[in-house]
C-alpha atoms as a PDB file:
ATOM      1  CA  UNK A   1       6.861 -21.216 -27.006  1.00  0.00           C
ATOM      2  CA  UNK A   2       9.054 -18.015 -26.907  1.00  0.00           C
ATOM      3  CA  UNK A   3       9.556 -16.320 -23.889  1.00  0.00           C
ATOM      4  CA  UNK A   4      10.915 -13.193 -22.922  1.00  0.00           C
ATOM      5  CA  UNK A   5      11.526 -11.310 -19.271  1.00  0.00           C
ATOM      6  CA  UNK A   6      10.713  -8.078 -18.906  1.00  0.00           C
ATOM      7  CA  UNK A   7      10.861  -5.294 -16.781  1.00  0.00           C
ATOM      8  CA  UNK A   8       7.390  -3.757 -16.034  1.00  0.00           C
ATOM      9  CA  UNK A   9       6.170  -3.219 -12.143  1.00  0.00           C
ATOM     10  CA  UNK A  10       8.349  -6.270 -11.453  1.00  0.00           C
ATOM     11  CA  UNK A  11       9.444  -9.020 -13.679  1.00  0.00           C
ATOM     12  CA  UNK A  12       7.357 -11.049 -16.045  1.00  0.00           C
ATOM     13  CA  UNK A  13       7.551 -14.063 -18.741  1.00  0.00           C
ATOM     14  CA  UNK A  14       5.921 -12.703 -22.079  1.00  0.00           C
ATOM     15  CA  UNK A  15       4.612 -14.960 -24.565  1.00  0.00           C
ATOM     16  CA  UNK A  16       3.042 -12.678 -27.654  1.00  0.00           C
ATOM     17  CA  UNK A  17       0.193 -11.818 -26.047  1.00  0.00           C
ATOM     18  CA  UNK A  18       0.409 -13.805 -22.716  1.00  0.00           C
ATOM     19  CA  UNK A  19       2.049 -12.778 -19.563  1.00  0.00           C
ATOM     20  CA  UNK A  20       2.574 -13.923 -16.126  1.00  0.00           C
ATOM     21  CA  UNK A  21       4.892 -12.008 -13.243  1.00  0.00           C
ATOM     22  CA  UNK A  22       7.594 -13.952 -11.926  1.00  0.00           C
ATOM     23  CA  UNK A  23       7.599 -15.050  -8.208  1.00  0.00           C
ATOM     24  CA  UNK A  24       9.997 -13.609  -6.058  1.00  0.00           C
ATOM     25  CA  UNK A  25      11.789 -17.180  -5.927  1.00  0.00           C
ATOM     26  CA  UNK A  26      11.940 -16.942  -9.871  1.00  0.00           C
ATOM     27  CA  UNK A  27      13.313 -13.308  -9.935  1.00  0.00           C
ATOM     28  CA  UNK A  28      16.036 -14.327  -7.799  1.00  0.00           C
ATOM     29  CA  UNK A  29      16.895 -17.864  -9.366  1.00  0.00           C
ATOM     30  CA  UNK A  30      16.933 -15.306 -12.754  1.00  0.00           C
ATOM     31  CA  UNK A  31      19.637 -12.915 -11.445  1.00  0.00           C
ATOM     32  CA  UNK A  32      21.721 -16.331  -9.975  1.00  0.00           C
ATOM     33  CA  UNK A  33      20.787 -15.558  -6.217  1.00  0.00           C
ATOM     34  CA  UNK A  34      21.172 -18.872  -4.819  1.00  0.00           C
ATOM     35  CA  UNK A  35      18.166 -20.945  -3.660  1.00  0.00           C
ATOM     36  CA  UNK A  36      18.953 -20.256  -0.164  1.00  0.00           C
ATOM     37  CA  UNK A  37      19.241 -16.493   0.106  1.00  0.00           C
ATOM     38  CA  UNK A  38      18.136 -14.970   2.989  1.00  0.00           C
ATOM     39  CA  UNK A  39      15.287 -12.373   2.582  1.00  0.00           C
ATOM     40  CA  UNK A  40      13.445  -9.761   4.709  1.00  0.00           C
ATOM     41  CA  UNK A  41      10.281 -11.263   6.332  1.00  0.00           C
ATOM     42  CA  UNK A  42       8.594  -8.618   4.615  1.00  0.00           C
ATOM     43  CA  UNK A  43       9.989  -8.917   1.361  1.00  0.00           C
ATOM     44  CA  UNK A  44       7.982 -11.582  -0.264  1.00  0.00           C
END
């Protein structure tokens, strides 16, 4: 597998023609936020 991160309307994992959007937790982890980062209730 050769995955790439791409900023579309959010962040997505892209592998050739396959793609899936990252969850909020995955996007935060990709940016080195700690797992216990607190977020407002209205932000996923």
